Full PDB file with SEQRES, HELIX, SHEET, SSBOND, CRYST1, ORIGX, SCALE, CONECT and MASTER records, all heavy atoms in Angstrom:
SEQRES   1 A   36  PHE GLY ILE ALA GLN SER ALA LEU PHE THR THR VAL THR          
SEQRES   2 A   36  THR ALA ALA THR THR GLY THR VAL ASN ASN MET HIS ASP          
SEQRES   3 A   36  THR LEU THR PRO LEU GLY GLY LEU VAL PRO                      
HELIX    1 AA1 GLY A    2  ALA A   15  1                                  14    
HELIX    2 AA2 HIS A   25  THR A   27  5                                   3    
HELIX    3 AA3 PRO A   30  LEU A   34  1                                   5    
CRYST1    1.000    1.000    1.000  90.00  90.00  90.00 P 1           1          
ORIGX1      1.000000  0.000000  0.000000        0.00000                         
ORIGX2      0.000000  1.000000  0.000000        0.00000                         
ORIGX3      0.000000  0.000000  1.000000        0.00000                         
SCALE1      1.000000  0.000000  0.000000        0.00000                         
SCALE2      0.000000  1.000000  0.000000        0.00000                         
SCALE3      0.000000  0.000000  1.000000        0.00000                         
ATOM      1  N   PHE A   1     -50.164 -84.109 175.938  1.00  0.00           N  
ATOM      2  CA  PHE A   1     -49.288 -85.163 175.425  1.00  0.00           C  
ATOM      3  C   PHE A   1     -49.949 -85.981 174.323  1.00  0.00           C  
ATOM      4  O   PHE A   1     -49.285 -86.390 173.373  1.00  0.00           O  
ATOM      5  CB  PHE A   1     -48.858 -86.099 176.559  1.00  0.00           C  
ATOM      6  CG  PHE A   1     -48.143 -85.410 177.678  1.00  0.00           C  
ATOM      7  CD1 PHE A   1     -48.403 -85.745 179.001  1.00  0.00           C  
ATOM      8  CD2 PHE A   1     -47.213 -84.422 177.413  1.00  0.00           C  
ATOM      9  CE1 PHE A   1     -47.744 -85.110 180.036  1.00  0.00           C  
ATOM     10  CE2 PHE A   1     -46.548 -83.779 178.447  1.00  0.00           C  
ATOM     11  CZ  PHE A   1     -46.817 -84.120 179.762  1.00  0.00           C  
ATOM     12  N   GLY A   2     -51.236 -86.251 174.442  1.00  0.00           N  
ATOM     13  CA  GLY A   2     -51.935 -87.026 173.429  1.00  0.00           C  
ATOM     14  C   GLY A   2     -51.565 -88.507 173.469  1.00  0.00           C  
ATOM     15  O   GLY A   2     -50.841 -88.976 174.345  1.00  0.00           O  
ATOM     16  N   ILE A   3     -52.058 -89.240 172.482  1.00  0.00           N  
ATOM     17  CA  ILE A   3     -51.850 -90.691 172.447  1.00  0.00           C  
ATOM     18  C   ILE A   3     -50.389 -91.050 172.215  1.00  0.00           C  
ATOM     19  O   ILE A   3     -49.822 -91.912 172.896  1.00  0.00           O  
ATOM     20  CB  ILE A   3     -52.717 -91.331 171.343  1.00  0.00           C  
ATOM     21  CG1 ILE A   3     -54.212 -91.138 171.643  1.00  0.00           C  
ATOM     22  CG2 ILE A   3     -52.390 -92.824 171.211  1.00  0.00           C  
ATOM     23  CD1 ILE A   3     -54.698 -91.867 172.861  1.00  0.00           C  
ATOM     24  N   ALA A   4     -49.745 -90.374 171.251  1.00  0.00           N  
ATOM     25  CA  ALA A   4     -48.386 -90.769 170.857  1.00  0.00           C  
ATOM     26  C   ALA A   4     -47.401 -90.635 172.012  1.00  0.00           C  
ATOM     27  O   ALA A   4     -46.694 -91.591 172.360  1.00  0.00           O  
ATOM     28  CB  ALA A   4     -47.924 -89.937 169.671  1.00  0.00           C  
ATOM     29  N   GLN A   5     -47.338 -89.451 172.625  1.00  0.00           N  
ATOM     30  CA  GLN A   5     -46.358 -89.249 173.689  1.00  0.00           C  
ATOM     31  C   GLN A   5     -46.742 -89.977 174.971  1.00  0.00           C  
ATOM     32  O   GLN A   5     -45.881 -90.277 175.805  1.00  0.00           O  
ATOM     33  CB  GLN A   5     -46.167 -87.754 173.957  1.00  0.00           C  
ATOM     34  CG  GLN A   5     -45.462 -87.038 172.826  1.00  0.00           C  
ATOM     35  CD  GLN A   5     -44.668 -85.828 173.291  1.00  0.00           C  
ATOM     36  OE1 GLN A   5     -44.103 -85.809 174.376  1.00  0.00           O  
ATOM     37  NE2 GLN A   5     -44.638 -84.802 172.455  1.00  0.00           N  
ATOM     38  N   SER A   6     -48.007 -90.276 175.145  1.00  0.00           N  
ATOM     39  CA  SER A   6     -48.422 -91.077 176.305  1.00  0.00           C  
ATOM     40  C   SER A   6     -48.013 -92.535 176.117  1.00  0.00           C  
ATOM     41  O   SER A   6     -47.471 -93.172 177.027  1.00  0.00           O  
ATOM     42  CB  SER A   6     -49.940 -90.984 176.504  1.00  0.00           C  
ATOM     43  OG  SER A   6     -50.333 -89.666 176.817  1.00  0.00           O  
ATOM     44  N   ALA A   7     -48.280 -93.084 174.922  1.00  0.00           N  
ATOM     45  CA  ALA A   7     -47.913 -94.473 174.641  1.00  0.00           C  
ATOM     46  C   ALA A   7     -46.400 -94.657 174.656  1.00  0.00           C  
ATOM     47  O   ALA A   7     -45.881 -95.660 175.185  1.00  0.00           O  
ATOM     48  CB  ALA A   7     -48.479 -94.908 173.294  1.00  0.00           C  
ATOM     49  N   LEU A   8     -45.664 -93.691 174.088  1.00  0.00           N  
ATOM     50  CA  LEU A   8     -44.201 -93.780 174.072  1.00  0.00           C  
ATOM     51  C   LEU A   8     -43.650 -93.699 175.489  1.00  0.00           C  
ATOM     52  O   LEU A   8     -42.758 -94.478 175.871  1.00  0.00           O  
ATOM     53  CB  LEU A   8     -43.618 -92.656 173.208  1.00  0.00           C  
ATOM     54  CG  LEU A   8     -42.094 -92.614 173.091  1.00  0.00           C  
ATOM     55  CD1 LEU A   8     -41.566 -93.906 172.492  1.00  0.00           C  
ATOM     56  CD2 LEU A   8     -41.651 -91.412 172.258  1.00  0.00           C  
ATOM     57  N   PHE A   9     -44.170 -92.782 176.292  1.00  0.00           N  
ATOM     58  CA  PHE A   9     -43.717 -92.627 177.668  1.00  0.00           C  
ATOM     59  C   PHE A   9     -43.983 -93.899 178.469  1.00  0.00           C  
ATOM     60  O   PHE A   9     -43.128 -94.379 179.216  1.00  0.00           O  
ATOM     61  CB  PHE A   9     -44.438 -91.441 178.320  1.00  0.00           C  
ATOM     62  CG  PHE A   9     -43.742 -90.881 179.533  1.00  0.00           C  
ATOM     63  CD1 PHE A   9     -42.973 -89.736 179.443  1.00  0.00           C  
ATOM     64  CD2 PHE A   9     -43.869 -91.486 180.769  1.00  0.00           C  
ATOM     65  CE1 PHE A   9     -42.336 -89.193 180.560  1.00  0.00           C  
ATOM     66  CE2 PHE A   9     -43.248 -90.969 181.895  1.00  0.00           C  
ATOM     67  CZ  PHE A   9     -42.480 -89.824 181.788  1.00  0.00           C  
ATOM     68  N   THR A  10     -45.178 -94.469 178.287  1.00  0.00           N  
ATOM     69  CA  THR A  10     -45.541 -95.699 178.998  1.00  0.00           C  
ATOM     70  C   THR A  10     -44.599 -96.836 178.632  1.00  0.00           C  
ATOM     71  O   THR A  10     -44.147 -97.593 179.503  1.00  0.00           O  
ATOM     72  CB  THR A  10     -46.985 -96.100 178.663  1.00  0.00           C  
ATOM     73  OG1 THR A  10     -47.879 -95.097 179.170  1.00  0.00           O  
ATOM     74  CG2 THR A  10     -47.346 -97.445 179.260  1.00  0.00           C  
ATOM     75  N   THR A  11     -44.299 -96.980 177.346  1.00  0.00           N  
ATOM     76  CA  THR A  11     -43.431 -98.069 176.894  1.00  0.00           C  
ATOM     77  C   THR A  11     -42.008 -97.874 177.373  1.00  0.00           C  
ATOM     78  O   THR A  11     -41.352 -98.830 177.806  1.00  0.00           O  
ATOM     79  CB  THR A  11     -43.450 -98.169 175.362  1.00  0.00           C  
ATOM     80  OG1 THR A  11     -44.808 -98.193 174.900  1.00  0.00           O  
ATOM     81  CG2 THR A  11     -42.769 -99.438 174.885  1.00  0.00           C  
ATOM     82  N   VAL A  12     -41.512 -96.632 177.340  1.00  0.00           N  
ATOM     83  CA  VAL A  12     -40.137 -96.363 177.760  1.00  0.00           C  
ATOM     84  C   VAL A  12     -39.978 -96.524 179.265  1.00  0.00           C  
ATOM     85  O   VAL A  12     -39.006 -97.116 179.740  1.00  0.00           O  
ATOM     86  CB  VAL A  12     -39.701 -94.946 177.330  1.00  0.00           C  
ATOM     87  CG1 VAL A  12     -38.341 -94.601 177.940  1.00  0.00           C  
ATOM     88  CG2 VAL A  12     -39.625 -94.845 175.818  1.00  0.00           C  
ATOM     89  N   THR A  13     -40.933 -96.027 180.041  1.00  0.00           N  
ATOM     90  CA  THR A  13     -40.772 -96.041 181.496  1.00  0.00           C  
ATOM     91  C   THR A  13     -40.747 -97.455 182.066  1.00  0.00           C  
ATOM     92  O   THR A  13     -40.098 -97.715 183.082  1.00  0.00           O  
ATOM     93  CB  THR A  13     -41.877 -95.210 182.177  1.00  0.00           C  
ATOM     94  OG1 THR A  13     -41.541 -95.019 183.550  1.00  0.00           O  
ATOM     95  CG2 THR A  13     -43.230 -95.897 182.128  1.00  0.00           C  
ATOM     96  N   THR A  14     -41.422 -98.394 181.417  1.00  0.00           N  
ATOM     97  CA  THR A  14     -41.380 -99.775 181.894  1.00  0.00           C  
ATOM     98  C   THR A  14     -40.294-100.581 181.181  1.00  0.00           C  
ATOM     99  O   THR A  14     -39.819-101.580 181.728  1.00  0.00           O  
ATOM    100  CB  THR A  14     -42.745-100.469 181.719  1.00  0.00           C  
ATOM    101  OG1 THR A  14     -43.310-100.109 180.445  1.00  0.00           O  
ATOM    102  CG2 THR A  14     -43.701-100.051 182.811  1.00  0.00           C  
ATOM    103  N   ALA A  15     -39.890-100.140 179.990  1.00  0.00           N  
ATOM    104  CA  ALA A  15     -38.736-100.772 179.341  1.00  0.00           C  
ATOM    105  C   ALA A  15     -37.465-100.446 180.123  1.00  0.00           C  
ATOM    106  O   ALA A  15     -36.638-101.315 180.385  1.00  0.00           O  
ATOM    107  CB  ALA A  15     -38.612-100.307 177.900  1.00  0.00           C  
ATOM    108  N   ALA A  16     -37.325 -99.180 180.514  1.00  0.00           N  
ATOM    109  CA  ALA A  16     -36.143 -98.738 181.249  1.00  0.00           C  
ATOM    110  C   ALA A  16     -36.314 -98.904 182.761  1.00  0.00           C  
ATOM    111  O   ALA A  16     -35.493 -98.395 183.529  1.00  0.00           O  
ATOM    112  CB  ALA A  16     -35.847 -97.274 180.923  1.00  0.00           C  
ATOM    113  N   THR A  17     -37.349 -99.612 183.186  1.00  0.00           N  
ATOM    114  CA  THR A  17     -37.674 -99.839 184.607  1.00  0.00           C  
ATOM    115  C   THR A  17     -37.538 -98.568 185.435  1.00  0.00           C  
ATOM    116  O   THR A  17     -36.938 -98.555 186.508  1.00  0.00           O  
ATOM    117  CB  THR A  17     -36.813-100.965 185.234  1.00  0.00           C  
ATOM    118  OG1 THR A  17     -35.442-100.594 185.226  1.00  0.00           O  
ATOM    119  CG2 THR A  17     -36.991-102.281 184.498  1.00  0.00           C  
ATOM    120  N   THR A  18     -38.094 -97.477 184.902  1.00  0.00           N  
ATOM    121  CA  THR A  18     -38.051 -96.207 185.613  1.00  0.00           C  
ATOM    122  C   THR A  18     -39.240 -96.087 186.558  1.00  0.00           C  
ATOM    123  O   THR A  18     -39.090 -95.821 187.737  1.00  0.00           O  
ATOM    124  CB  THR A  18     -38.045 -95.030 184.623  1.00  0.00           C  
ATOM    125  OG1 THR A  18     -36.994 -95.220 183.681  1.00  0.00           O  
ATOM    126  CG2 THR A  18     -37.847 -93.708 185.337  1.00  0.00           C  
ATOM    127  N   GLY A  19     -40.456 -96.257 186.030  1.00  0.00           N  
ATOM    128  CA  GLY A  19     -41.638 -96.199 186.880  1.00  0.00           C  
ATOM    129  C   GLY A  19     -42.331 -94.866 186.892  1.00  0.00           C  
ATOM    130  O   GLY A  19     -43.441 -94.742 187.420  1.00  0.00           O  
ATOM    131  N   THR A  20     -41.703 -93.826 186.340  1.00  0.00           N  
ATOM    132  CA  THR A  20     -42.390 -92.550 186.225  1.00  0.00           C  
ATOM    133  C   THR A  20     -43.531 -92.685 185.220  1.00  0.00           C  
ATOM    134  O   THR A  20     -43.449 -93.475 184.277  1.00  0.00           O  
ATOM    135  CB  THR A  20     -41.404 -91.455 185.773  1.00  0.00           C  
ATOM    136  OG1 THR A  20     -42.100 -90.218 185.630  1.00  0.00           O  
ATOM    137  CG2 THR A  20     -40.771 -91.798 184.440  1.00  0.00           C  
ATOM    138  N   VAL A  21     -44.629 -91.951 185.406  1.00  0.00           N  
ATOM    139  CA  VAL A  21     -45.780 -92.067 184.505  1.00  0.00           C  
ATOM    140  C   VAL A  21     -46.287 -90.677 184.136  1.00  0.00           C  
ATOM    141  O   VAL A  21     -46.276 -89.759 184.951  1.00  0.00           O  
ATOM    142  CB  VAL A  21     -46.931 -92.880 185.138  1.00  0.00           C  
ATOM    143  CG1 VAL A  21     -46.519 -94.328 185.365  1.00  0.00           C  
ATOM    144  CG2 VAL A  21     -47.384 -92.266 186.462  1.00  0.00           C  
ATOM    145  N   ASN A  22     -46.714 -90.520 182.888  1.00  0.00           N  
ATOM    146  CA  ASN A  22     -47.360 -89.262 182.493  1.00  0.00           C  
ATOM    147  C   ASN A  22     -48.834 -89.481 182.162  1.00  0.00           C  
ATOM    148  O   ASN A  22     -49.489 -88.604 181.621  1.00  0.00           O  
ATOM    149  CB  ASN A  22     -46.623 -88.611 181.319  1.00  0.00           C  
ATOM    150  CG  ASN A  22     -46.882 -89.304 179.988  1.00  0.00           C  
ATOM    151  OD1 ASN A  22     -47.435 -90.419 179.937  1.00  0.00           O  
ATOM    152  ND2 ASN A  22     -46.476 -88.661 178.896  1.00  0.00           N  
ATOM    153  N   ASN A  23     -49.328 -90.680 182.477  1.00  0.00           N  
ATOM    154  CA  ASN A  23     -50.752 -90.970 182.326  1.00  0.00           C  
ATOM    155  C   ASN A  23     -51.112 -92.070 183.326  1.00  0.00           C  
ATOM    156  O   ASN A  23     -50.228 -92.717 183.892  1.00  0.00           O  
ATOM    157  CB  ASN A  23     -51.089 -91.394 180.885  1.00  0.00           C  
ATOM    158  CG  ASN A  23     -50.408 -92.683 180.488  1.00  0.00           C  
ATOM    159  OD1 ASN A  23     -50.935 -93.780 180.663  1.00  0.00           O  
ATOM    160  ND2 ASN A  23     -49.186 -92.587 179.929  1.00  0.00           N  
ATOM    161  N   MET A  24     -52.394 -92.272 183.552  1.00  0.00           N  
ATOM    162  CA  MET A  24     -52.843 -93.265 184.521  1.00  0.00           C  
ATOM    163  C   MET A  24     -52.864 -94.644 183.885  1.00  0.00           C  
ATOM    164  O   MET A  24     -53.696 -94.923 183.013  1.00  0.00           O  
ATOM    165  CB  MET A  24     -54.239 -92.903 185.027  1.00  0.00           C  
ATOM    166  CG  MET A  24     -54.813 -93.878 186.027  1.00  0.00           C  
ATOM    167  SD  MET A  24     -53.974 -93.865 187.603  1.00  0.00           S  
ATOM    168  CE  MET A  24     -54.675 -92.393 188.344  1.00  0.00           C  
ATOM    169  N   HIS A  25     -51.938 -95.515 184.287  1.00  0.00           N  
ATOM    170  CA  HIS A  25     -51.868 -96.852 183.697  1.00  0.00           C  
ATOM    171  C   HIS A  25     -53.124 -97.671 183.991  1.00  0.00           C  
ATOM    172  O   HIS A  25     -53.454 -98.595 183.244  1.00  0.00           O  
ATOM    173  CB  HIS A  25     -50.626 -97.583 184.195  1.00  0.00           C  
ATOM    174  CG  HIS A  25     -49.348 -97.077 183.602  1.00  0.00           C  
ATOM    175  ND1 HIS A  25     -48.132 -97.713 183.746  1.00  0.00           N  
ATOM    176  CD2 HIS A  25     -49.099 -95.989 182.832  1.00  0.00           C  
ATOM    177  CE1 HIS A  25     -47.189 -97.037 183.103  1.00  0.00           C  
ATOM    178  NE2 HIS A  25     -47.751 -95.981 182.556  1.00  0.00           N  
ATOM    179  N   ASP A  26     -53.808 -97.346 185.073  1.00  0.00           N  
ATOM    180  CA  ASP A  26     -55.029 -98.071 185.425  1.00  0.00           C  
ATOM    181  C   ASP A  26     -56.131 -97.863 184.385  1.00  0.00           C  
ATOM    182  O   ASP A  26     -57.048 -98.670 184.275  1.00  0.00           O  
ATOM    183  CB  ASP A  26     -55.517 -97.610 186.802  1.00  0.00           C  
ATOM    184  CG  ASP A  26     -56.603 -98.508 187.364  1.00  0.00           C  
ATOM    185  OD1 ASP A  26     -56.422 -99.740 187.344  1.00  0.00           O  
ATOM    186  OD2 ASP A  26     -57.638 -97.984 187.809  1.00  0.00           O  
ATOM    187  N   THR A  27     -56.038 -96.769 183.615  1.00  0.00           N  
ATOM    188  CA  THR A  27     -57.070 -96.470 182.617  1.00  0.00           C  
ATOM    189  C   THR A  27     -56.653 -96.859 181.203  1.00  0.00           C  
ATOM    190  O   THR A  27     -57.378 -96.570 180.248  1.00  0.00           O  
ATOM    191  CB  THR A  27     -57.416 -94.962 182.631  1.00  0.00           C  
ATOM    192  OG1 THR A  27     -56.240 -94.205 182.301  1.00  0.00           O  
ATOM    193  CG2 THR A  27     -57.911 -94.539 184.001  1.00  0.00           C  
ATOM    194  N   LEU A  28     -55.507 -97.486 181.044  1.00  0.00           N  
ATOM    195  CA  LEU A  28     -55.117 -97.974 179.722  1.00  0.00           C  
ATOM    196  C   LEU A  28     -56.085 -99.054 179.256  1.00  0.00           C  
ATOM    197  O   LEU A  28     -56.701 -99.752 180.070  1.00  0.00           O  
ATOM    198  CB  LEU A  28     -53.700 -98.548 179.769  1.00  0.00           C  
ATOM    199  CG  LEU A  28     -52.547 -97.566 180.017  1.00  0.00           C  
ATOM    200  CD1 LEU A  28     -51.254 -98.330 180.288  1.00  0.00           C  
ATOM    201  CD2 LEU A  28     -52.372 -96.619 178.848  1.00  0.00           C  
ATOM    202  N   THR A  29     -56.211 -99.200 177.959  1.00  0.00           N  
ATOM    203  CA  THR A  29     -57.006-100.309 177.440  1.00  0.00           C  
ATOM    204  C   THR A  29     -56.341-101.624 177.881  1.00  0.00           C  
ATOM    205  O   THR A  29     -55.153-101.626 178.220  1.00  0.00           O  
ATOM    206  CB  THR A  29     -57.065-100.266 175.902  1.00  0.00           C  
ATOM    207  OG1 THR A  29     -55.725-100.372 175.374  1.00  0.00           O  
ATOM    208  CG2 THR A  29     -57.704 -98.970 175.416  1.00  0.00           C  
ATOM    209  N   PRO A  30     -57.066-102.734 177.908  1.00  0.00           N  
ATOM    210  CA  PRO A  30     -56.459-103.989 178.379  1.00  0.00           C  
ATOM    211  C   PRO A  30     -55.155-104.346 177.674  1.00  0.00           C  
ATOM    212  O   PRO A  30     -54.175-104.728 178.320  1.00  0.00           O  
ATOM    213  CB  PRO A  30     -57.558-105.016 178.107  1.00  0.00           C  
ATOM    214  CG  PRO A  30     -58.828-104.255 178.209  1.00  0.00           C  
ATOM    215  CD  PRO A  30     -58.512-102.896 177.641  1.00  0.00           C  
ATOM    216  N   LEU A  31     -55.131-104.230 176.343  1.00  0.00           N  
ATOM    217  CA  LEU A  31     -53.896-104.557 175.612  1.00  0.00           C  
ATOM    218  C   LEU A  31     -52.834-103.483 175.824  1.00  0.00           C  
ATOM    219  O   LEU A  31     -51.637-103.785 175.841  1.00  0.00           O  
ATOM    220  CB  LEU A  31     -54.195-104.741 174.123  1.00  0.00           C  
ATOM    221  CG  LEU A  31     -55.074-105.945 173.763  1.00  0.00           C  
ATOM    222  CD1 LEU A  31     -55.212-106.065 172.250  1.00  0.00           C  
ATOM    223  CD2 LEU A  31     -54.508-107.239 174.351  1.00  0.00           C  
ATOM    224  N   GLY A  32     -53.277-102.236 175.965  1.00  0.00           N  
ATOM    225  CA  GLY A  32     -52.318-101.175 176.287  1.00  0.00           C  
ATOM    226  C   GLY A  32     -51.693-101.399 177.647  1.00  0.00           C  
ATOM    227  O   GLY A  32     -50.485-101.203 177.836  1.00  0.00           O  
ATOM    228  N   GLY A  33     -52.483-101.840 178.626  1.00  0.00           N  
ATOM    229  CA  GLY A  33     -51.961-102.147 179.953  1.00  0.00           C  
ATOM    230  C   GLY A  33     -51.096-103.393 179.982  1.00  0.00           C  
ATOM    231  O   GLY A  33     -50.244-103.546 180.867  1.00  0.00           O  
ATOM    232  N   LEU A  34     -51.312-104.277 179.011  1.00  0.00           N  
ATOM    233  CA  LEU A  34     -50.488-105.484 178.926  1.00  0.00           C  
ATOM    234  C   LEU A  34     -49.037-105.150 178.602  1.00  0.00           C  
ATOM    235  O   LEU A  34     -48.118-105.847 179.038  1.00  0.00           O  
ATOM    236  CB  LEU A  34     -51.068-106.411 177.853  1.00  0.00           C  
ATOM    237  CG  LEU A  34     -50.255-107.659 177.472  1.00  0.00           C  
ATOM    238  CD1 LEU A  34     -50.073-108.571 178.681  1.00  0.00           C  
ATOM    239  CD2 LEU A  34     -50.942-108.414 176.337  1.00  0.00           C  
ATOM    240  N   VAL A  35     -48.811-104.073 177.862  1.00  0.00           N  
ATOM    241  CA  VAL A  35     -47.458-103.722 177.425  1.00  0.00           C  
ATOM    242  C   VAL A  35     -46.535-103.416 178.607  1.00  0.00           C  
ATOM    243  O   VAL A  35     -45.474-104.055 178.741  1.00  0.00           O  
ATOM    244  CB  VAL A  35     -47.493-102.551 176.426  1.00  0.00           C  
ATOM    245  CG1 VAL A  35     -46.103-101.970 176.210  1.00  0.00           C  
ATOM    246  CG2 VAL A  35     -48.075-103.019 175.094  1.00  0.00           C  
ATOM    247  N   PRO A  36     -46.861-102.463 179.483  1.00  0.00           N  
ATOM    248  CA  PRO A  36     -45.954-102.232 180.618  1.00  0.00           C  
ATOM    249  C   PRO A  36     -45.827-103.449 181.524  1.00  0.00           C  
ATOM    250  O   PRO A  36     -44.755-103.715 182.069  1.00  0.00           O  
ATOM    251  CB  PRO A  36     -46.597-101.054 181.357  1.00  0.00           C  
ATOM    252  CG  PRO A  36     -48.016-101.025 180.920  1.00  0.00           C  
ATOM    253  CD  PRO A  36     -47.999-101.525 179.512  1.00  0.00           C  
TER     254      PRO A  36                                                      
MASTER        0    0    0    3    0    0    0    6  253    1    0    3          
END                                                                             
């Protein structure tokens, strides 16, 4: 998936309150984890 599809998936899944994940949110950078 790489960075682009991981970041897009993370943003969409919490924007749409879905909760499905294609990467480990615990390992996101601090600001990346701030988004979801």
